[in-house]
Amino acid sequence: MSRLVRTILFLSPLPFAGAVVYTYASRKLAKDFPDIPIQQLPEGSFTRRIMEESSARGLARWGREGSGDKDRPLYAAYTDIYQTTIPRSSLESYGARLLEGPLSRKAYETDSFTHAFLNSGLMSRHRRLMSTKRDEREQRGVFEPGQEAMGGTMWVLRSTAGDSSAPTAPSTTAAQRQSALDSLPPDVQPPSSVPSATGAPNGIGSTVFFWRMPASIVSTCDTLASYGYPWRFMLGGYHELLVEEAQAPSAKTEAGAGAGAGADEPMLRVTFTSAHVYERLQGDGKTIPGFGRAMHALFGRALLASAKRRIESC
């Protein structure tokens, strides 16, 4: 038997084994982190407002060139939303290692969860694979508009805490935060018009990131789609990290009565959302292929699982 044949026979089980592992992992993650309907998000959450605005009148063009309300050719085609619960004590223990300064409790929890998500084991491996470095502010758990995240693959749009309408970084003014966004290079400019920053709903903390697909890839795919190619690439999208109470205090008290101290452990609900933004071209509604969306969903669930493990290991 030739060396080539032996090599082929030796490697032939690998695709099958890979398919088995993928199937098991995707099913387990889908069970642990099922799809959440957007109606279950808090009414004031950024993701929910973006989807509502997209359906009502469309989204403004990205970049400074799309400043007019009449210029709204974009739409958010779909969202991926995943949730889990964690002990409040674990998140606060995690944040105690890195956060300093006069932060409200909700801002403290929001920045702690954001830091854990961006520095989880899976995200760290992704960072090494892409050879990207952490922003110095990100290392300290500070997230301000215009700040790079994941080595320049996405940027902070806003970070708010629900016990006030102020941002989690109180040292910056609204003008300074807008100036930081305006100073970004044209090819990574955020949308010029997004839902107003009225602060997160009461009791909710939120960090919003935006990212943009390279224009050359988008335009090439759009050209191919005009000739019958079945897919298009998104222009970019949003990620939102939410922190909220998992259960009303009164319900926790009633449920925990006589059940021991462990039953009274305060819990937080943490959520990861993703929304992809496309341009309305020829009304064809083309997006990325189904298998691409499935892989994106698998990765999103795995990221939330990795962040949960990092927090609960404290």
Protein backbone atom coordinates (compact mmCIF):
# COMPACT_ATOMS: atom_id res chain seq x y z
CA MET A 1 0.00 0.00 0.00
CA SER A 2 1.43 3.37 -1.05
CA ARG A 3 2.16 6.15 1.42
CA LEU A 4 -0.51 8.32 -0.22
CA VAL A 5 -3.22 5.69 0.26
CA ARG A 6 -2.17 5.09 3.87
CA THR A 7 -2.30 8.85 4.52
CA ILE A 8 -5.78 9.13 2.98
CA LEU A 9 -7.05 6.18 5.03
CA PHE A 10 -5.51 7.63 8.18
CA LEU A 11 -7.11 11.05 7.68
CA SER A 12 -10.48 9.91 6.34
CA PRO A 13 -12.14 9.59 9.80
CA LEU A 14 -11.29 13.20 10.67
CA PRO A 15 -14.11 14.89 8.71
CA PHE A 16 -16.60 12.44 10.22
CA ALA A 17 -15.24 13.04 13.72
CA GLY A 18 -15.35 16.79 13.14
CA ALA A 19 -18.99 16.57 12.02
CA VAL A 20 -19.88 14.57 15.15
CA VAL A 21 -18.16 17.10 17.44
CA TYR A 22 -19.81 20.03 15.65
CA THR A 23 -23.25 18.44 15.88
CA TYR A 24 -22.86 17.65 19.57
CA ALA A 25 -21.50 21.11 20.41
CA SER A 26 -24.13 22.98 18.42
CA ARG A 27 -26.99 20.98 19.95
CA LYS A 28 -25.70 21.38 23.50
CA LEU A 29 -25.14 25.11 23.08
CA ALA A 30 -28.56 25.54 21.46
CA LYS A 31 -30.13 23.75 24.45
CA ASP A 32 -28.19 25.80 27.02
CA PHE A 33 -28.58 29.10 25.14
CA PRO A 34 -31.79 28.97 23.08
CA ASP A 35 -32.90 31.73 20.72
CA ILE A 36 -34.63 34.53 22.63
CA PRO A 37 -37.47 36.46 20.91
CA ILE A 38 -36.72 40.15 20.61
CA GLN A 39 -39.98 40.88 22.48
CA GLN A 40 -38.31 39.51 25.61
CA LEU A 41 -35.63 42.20 25.56
CA PRO A 42 -36.24 45.28 27.73
CA GLU A 43 -38.25 47.85 25.78
CA GLY A 44 -35.48 50.44 25.95
CA SER A 45 -32.66 48.14 24.89
CA PHE A 46 -30.61 49.38 21.94
CA THR A 47 -31.14 46.18 19.92
CA ARG A 48 -34.89 46.34 20.27
CA ARG A 49 -35.01 50.02 19.31
CA ILE A 50 -32.80 49.39 16.26
CA MET A 51 -35.09 46.62 15.02
CA GLU A 52 -38.19 48.74 15.61
CA GLU A 53 -36.67 51.70 13.77
CA SER A 54 -35.56 49.43 10.93
CA SER A 55 -39.11 48.14 10.48
CA ALA A 56 -40.74 51.57 10.85
CA ARG A 57 -38.64 53.78 8.57
CA GLY A 58 -35.32 52.14 7.80
CA LEU A 59 -31.85 52.93 9.16
CA ALA A 60 -29.63 55.86 8.23
CA ARG A 61 -26.62 55.33 5.98
CA TRP A 62 -23.40 54.63 7.85
CA GLY A 63 -20.78 57.35 8.04
CA ARG A 64 -20.95 61.12 8.09
CA GLU A 65 -22.26 61.24 4.52
CA GLY A 66 -25.63 59.88 5.59
CA SER A 67 -26.77 62.56 8.00
CA GLY A 68 -30.24 63.28 6.64
CA ASP A 69 -33.40 61.62 7.88
CA LYS A 70 -34.48 61.09 4.26
CA ASP A 71 -31.38 59.00 3.56
CA ARG A 72 -32.46 55.71 5.14
CA PRO A 73 -31.69 52.89 2.70
CA LEU A 74 -30.47 50.40 5.31
CA TYR A 75 -32.23 47.78 7.42
CA ALA A 76 -31.41 45.27 10.16
CA ALA A 77 -32.22 41.93 8.58
CA TYR A 78 -32.18 39.74 11.70
CA THR A 79 -30.93 39.41 15.25
CA ASP A 80 -29.34 36.68 17.34
CA ILE A 81 -30.16 36.93 21.06
CA TYR A 82 -28.84 34.63 23.80
CA GLN A 83 -29.18 34.83 27.58
CA THR A 84 -28.00 33.12 30.73
CA THR A 85 -27.98 33.82 34.46
CA ILE A 86 -25.02 34.23 36.80
CA PRO A 87 -24.69 34.89 40.54
CA ARG A 88 -24.32 38.61 41.27
CA SER A 89 -21.57 37.80 43.78
CA SER A 90 -19.50 36.09 41.06
CA LEU A 91 -19.73 39.10 38.73
CA GLU A 92 -18.87 41.53 41.50
CA SER A 93 -15.93 39.37 42.57
CA TYR A 94 -14.70 39.37 38.99
CA GLY A 95 -15.00 43.15 38.71
CA ALA A 96 -13.23 43.75 42.03
CA ARG A 97 -9.96 42.70 40.40
CA LEU A 98 -9.96 45.42 37.75
CA LEU A 99 -12.48 48.24 38.23
CA GLU A 100 -11.72 51.44 40.12
CA GLY A 101 -13.42 54.78 40.54
CA PRO A 102 -16.87 56.13 41.49
CA LEU A 103 -19.14 53.78 39.57
CA SER A 104 -22.76 53.00 40.37
CA ARG A 105 -23.53 49.37 41.09
CA LYS A 106 -25.16 48.81 37.69
CA ALA A 107 -22.30 50.51 35.85
CA TYR A 108 -19.89 48.33 37.83
CA GLU A 109 -21.77 45.18 36.82
CA THR A 110 -22.07 46.30 33.18
CA ASP A 111 -18.35 47.03 32.78
CA SER A 112 -17.47 43.79 34.60
CA PHE A 113 -19.59 41.68 32.26
CA THR A 114 -18.28 43.51 29.19
CA HIS A 115 -14.69 42.92 30.31
CA ALA A 116 -15.36 39.23 31.02
CA PHE A 117 -16.99 38.78 27.61
CA LEU A 118 -14.11 40.40 25.71
CA ASN A 119 -11.49 38.51 27.73
CA SER A 120 -13.07 35.06 27.96
CA GLY A 121 -11.05 32.02 26.99
CA LEU A 122 -12.65 31.72 23.55
CA MET A 123 -12.29 35.43 22.79
CA SER A 124 -8.66 35.37 23.93
CA ARG A 125 -7.92 32.53 21.51
CA HIS A 126 -9.65 34.49 18.77
CA ARG A 127 -7.48 37.49 19.65
CA ARG A 128 -4.29 35.43 19.41
CA LEU A 129 -5.40 33.94 16.09
CA MET A 130 -6.02 37.44 14.68
CA SER A 131 -2.82 38.79 16.31
CA THR A 132 -4.68 41.68 17.91
CA LYS A 133 -3.87 43.50 21.13
CA ARG A 134 -6.12 44.87 23.86
CA ASP A 135 -6.74 48.58 24.25
CA GLU A 136 -5.26 49.85 27.51
CA ARG A 137 -8.69 51.09 28.64
CA GLU A 138 -10.24 47.72 27.84
CA GLN A 139 -7.71 46.03 30.13
CA ARG A 140 -8.90 48.30 32.97
CA GLY A 141 -12.57 47.63 32.27
CA VAL A 142 -13.26 51.08 30.80
CA PHE A 143 -15.46 51.33 27.70
CA GLU A 144 -15.93 54.73 26.04
CA PRO A 145 -17.46 55.72 22.67
CA GLY A 146 -15.01 55.41 19.78
CA GLN A 147 -12.77 53.03 21.72
CA GLU A 148 -11.37 50.06 19.82
CA ALA A 149 -12.26 46.57 20.97
CA MET A 150 -10.76 43.29 19.83
CA GLY A 151 -7.84 45.03 18.17
CA GLY A 152 -9.91 47.28 15.93
CA THR A 153 -12.44 44.74 14.72
CA MET A 154 -15.24 46.64 16.48
CA TRP A 155 -15.75 49.90 18.37
CA VAL A 156 -17.73 51.05 21.39
CA LEU A 157 -20.84 53.04 20.42
CA ARG A 158 -22.16 53.67 23.95
CA SER A 159 -22.20 52.25 27.46
CA THR A 160 -24.99 53.14 29.87
CA ALA A 161 -26.24 52.06 33.27
CA GLY A 162 -29.92 51.94 34.09
CA ASP A 163 -29.83 53.50 37.55
CA SER A 164 -29.10 56.81 35.80
CA SER A 165 -29.09 58.05 32.21
CA ALA A 166 -25.39 58.79 32.47
CA PRO A 167 -22.72 56.71 30.71
CA THR A 168 -20.70 54.24 32.74
CA ALA A 169 -17.63 56.44 32.22
CA PRO A 170 -18.76 59.63 34.02
CA SER A 171 -15.60 61.64 33.27
CA THR A 172 -16.57 62.35 29.63
CA THR A 173 -19.16 64.79 28.32
CA ALA A 174 -21.69 64.07 25.56
CA ALA A 175 -19.74 66.36 23.20
CA GLN A 176 -16.50 64.51 23.94
CA ARG A 177 -18.15 61.15 23.33
CA GLN A 178 -19.58 62.30 19.99
CA SER A 179 -16.24 63.84 19.02
CA ALA A 180 -14.52 60.50 19.68
CA LEU A 181 -16.92 58.80 17.25
CA ASP A 182 -16.58 61.56 14.63
CA SER A 183 -12.78 61.30 14.72
CA LEU A 184 -12.77 57.67 13.58
CA PRO A 185 -11.52 57.03 10.01
CA PRO A 186 -14.24 57.24 7.31
CA ASP A 187 -14.16 53.50 6.60
CA VAL A 188 -15.08 52.69 10.21
CA GLN A 189 -17.50 55.54 10.90
CA PRO A 190 -20.62 54.47 12.81
CA PRO A 191 -24.13 55.32 11.62
CA SER A 192 -24.75 59.04 11.73
CA SER A 193 -28.26 58.59 13.14
CA VAL A 194 -29.12 55.93 15.71
CA PRO A 195 -31.80 55.70 18.43
CA SER A 196 -31.28 58.50 20.94
CA ALA A 197 -29.04 57.74 23.93
CA THR A 198 -31.61 58.22 26.67
CA GLY A 199 -29.85 55.75 28.95
CA ALA A 200 -30.75 52.14 29.53
CA PRO A 201 -34.08 51.24 31.16
CA ASN A 202 -34.10 51.43 34.94
CA GLY A 203 -32.12 48.55 36.42
CA ILE A 204 -30.51 47.62 33.08
CA GLY A 205 -26.87 48.04 32.08
CA SER A 206 -25.88 48.04 28.41
CA THR A 207 -22.70 48.23 26.32
CA VAL A 208 -23.16 48.59 22.55
CA PHE A 209 -20.48 47.89 19.94
CA PHE A 210 -20.59 48.43 16.20
CA TRP A 211 -18.48 46.89 13.46
CA ARG A 212 -18.12 47.31 9.71
CA MET A 213 -17.36 44.88 6.93
CA PRO A 214 -14.60 46.05 4.53
CA ALA A 215 -16.26 48.06 1.76
CA SER A 216 -14.41 46.16 -0.98
CA ILE A 217 -15.90 42.83 0.11
CA VAL A 218 -19.41 44.29 0.33
CA SER A 219 -19.27 45.98 -3.08
CA THR A 220 -17.84 42.88 -4.79
CA CYS A 221 -20.57 40.69 -3.36
CA ASP A 222 -23.23 43.27 -4.33
CA THR A 223 -21.96 43.27 -7.90
CA LEU A 224 -22.11 39.48 -8.04
CA ALA A 225 -25.60 39.52 -6.50
CA SER A 226 -26.82 41.84 -9.25
CA TYR A 227 -25.87 39.10 -11.73
CA GLY A 228 -27.72 36.36 -9.84
CA TYR A 229 -25.37 35.47 -6.99
CA PRO A 230 -27.74 34.33 -4.19
CA TRP A 231 -26.08 36.13 -1.26
CA ARG A 232 -24.91 39.51 -0.05
CA PHE A 233 -22.58 40.56 2.76
CA MET A 234 -23.79 42.82 5.53
CA LEU A 235 -22.40 46.37 5.75
CA GLY A 236 -21.78 45.85 9.44
CA GLY A 237 -23.73 45.36 12.60
CA TYR A 238 -24.19 45.86 16.32
CA HIS A 239 -23.44 43.78 19.40
CA GLU A 240 -25.10 44.61 22.71
CA LEU A 241 -24.23 43.25 26.15
CA LEU A 242 -27.03 43.62 28.69
CA VAL A 243 -27.09 43.10 32.47
CA GLU A 244 -30.36 43.05 34.45
CA GLU A 245 -31.95 41.53 37.51
CA ALA A 246 -32.93 37.94 36.85
CA GLN A 247 -35.83 38.01 39.29
CA ALA A 248 -37.81 40.63 41.17
CA PRO A 249 -36.63 40.97 44.80
CA SER A 250 -40.08 40.11 46.17
CA ALA A 251 -40.22 36.92 44.10
CA LYS A 252 -36.76 35.94 45.27
CA THR A 253 -37.73 36.45 48.90
CA GLU A 254 -40.86 34.35 48.58
CA ALA A 255 -39.09 31.59 46.67
CA GLY A 256 -36.22 31.53 49.13
CA ALA A 257 -38.25 31.54 52.32
CA GLY A 258 -37.28 28.52 54.38
CA ALA A 259 -35.14 27.13 51.57
CA GLY A 260 -31.77 27.96 53.03
CA ALA A 261 -29.25 30.70 52.28
CA GLY A 262 -28.32 29.31 48.86
CA ALA A 263 -31.85 29.87 47.56
CA ASP A 264 -31.55 33.62 48.29
CA GLU A 265 -28.48 34.12 46.08
CA PRO A 266 -29.20 37.20 43.94
CA MET A 267 -28.92 36.38 40.24
CA LEU A 268 -28.33 38.53 37.18
CA ARG A 269 -29.51 37.90 33.63
CA VAL A 270 -26.80 38.63 31.06
CA THR A 271 -27.61 38.88 27.37
CA PHE A 272 -25.57 38.95 24.16
CA THR A 273 -27.26 40.27 21.02
CA SER A 274 -26.14 40.68 17.44
CA ALA A 275 -27.89 42.58 14.62
CA HIS A 276 -26.69 42.61 10.99
CA VAL A 277 -27.28 45.67 8.82
CA TYR A 278 -27.78 45.44 5.04
CA GLU A 279 -28.52 47.88 2.24
CA ARG A 280 -31.81 47.64 0.38
CA LEU A 281 -30.67 46.83 -3.14
CA GLN A 282 -33.18 45.87 -5.83
CA GLY A 283 -35.52 44.70 -3.07
CA ASP A 284 -34.11 41.16 -3.29
CA GLY A 285 -33.64 40.67 0.46
CA LYS A 286 -30.41 38.70 -0.07
CA THR A 287 -28.24 38.11 3.02
CA ILE A 288 -25.39 35.79 3.99
CA PRO A 289 -26.11 32.08 3.37
CA GLY A 290 -27.89 29.95 5.92
CA PHE A 291 -24.78 28.01 6.90
CA GLY A 292 -23.00 31.31 7.56
CA ARG A 293 -25.78 32.39 9.92
CA ALA A 294 -25.65 28.99 11.64
CA MET A 295 -21.90 29.30 12.24
CA HIS A 296 -22.36 32.86 13.50
CA ALA A 297 -25.06 31.67 15.92
CA LEU A 298 -22.85 28.82 17.16
CA PHE A 299 -19.96 31.22 17.78
CA GLY A 300 -22.23 33.69 19.60
CA ARG A 301 -23.54 31.00 21.95
CA ALA A 302 -20.01 29.73 22.55
CA LEU A 303 -18.81 33.25 23.42
CA LEU A 304 -21.54 33.70 26.02
CA ALA A 305 -20.78 30.26 27.48
CA SER A 306 -17.08 31.13 27.69
CA ALA A 307 -17.82 34.43 29.44
CA LYS A 308 -20.11 32.67 31.93
CA ARG A 309 -17.35 30.17 32.78
CA ARG A 310 -14.83 32.98 33.28
CA ILE A 311 -17.12 34.86 35.67
CA GLU A 312 -18.24 31.85 37.68
CA SER A 313 -14.65 30.65 38.12
CA CYS A 314 -13.93 33.66 40.37
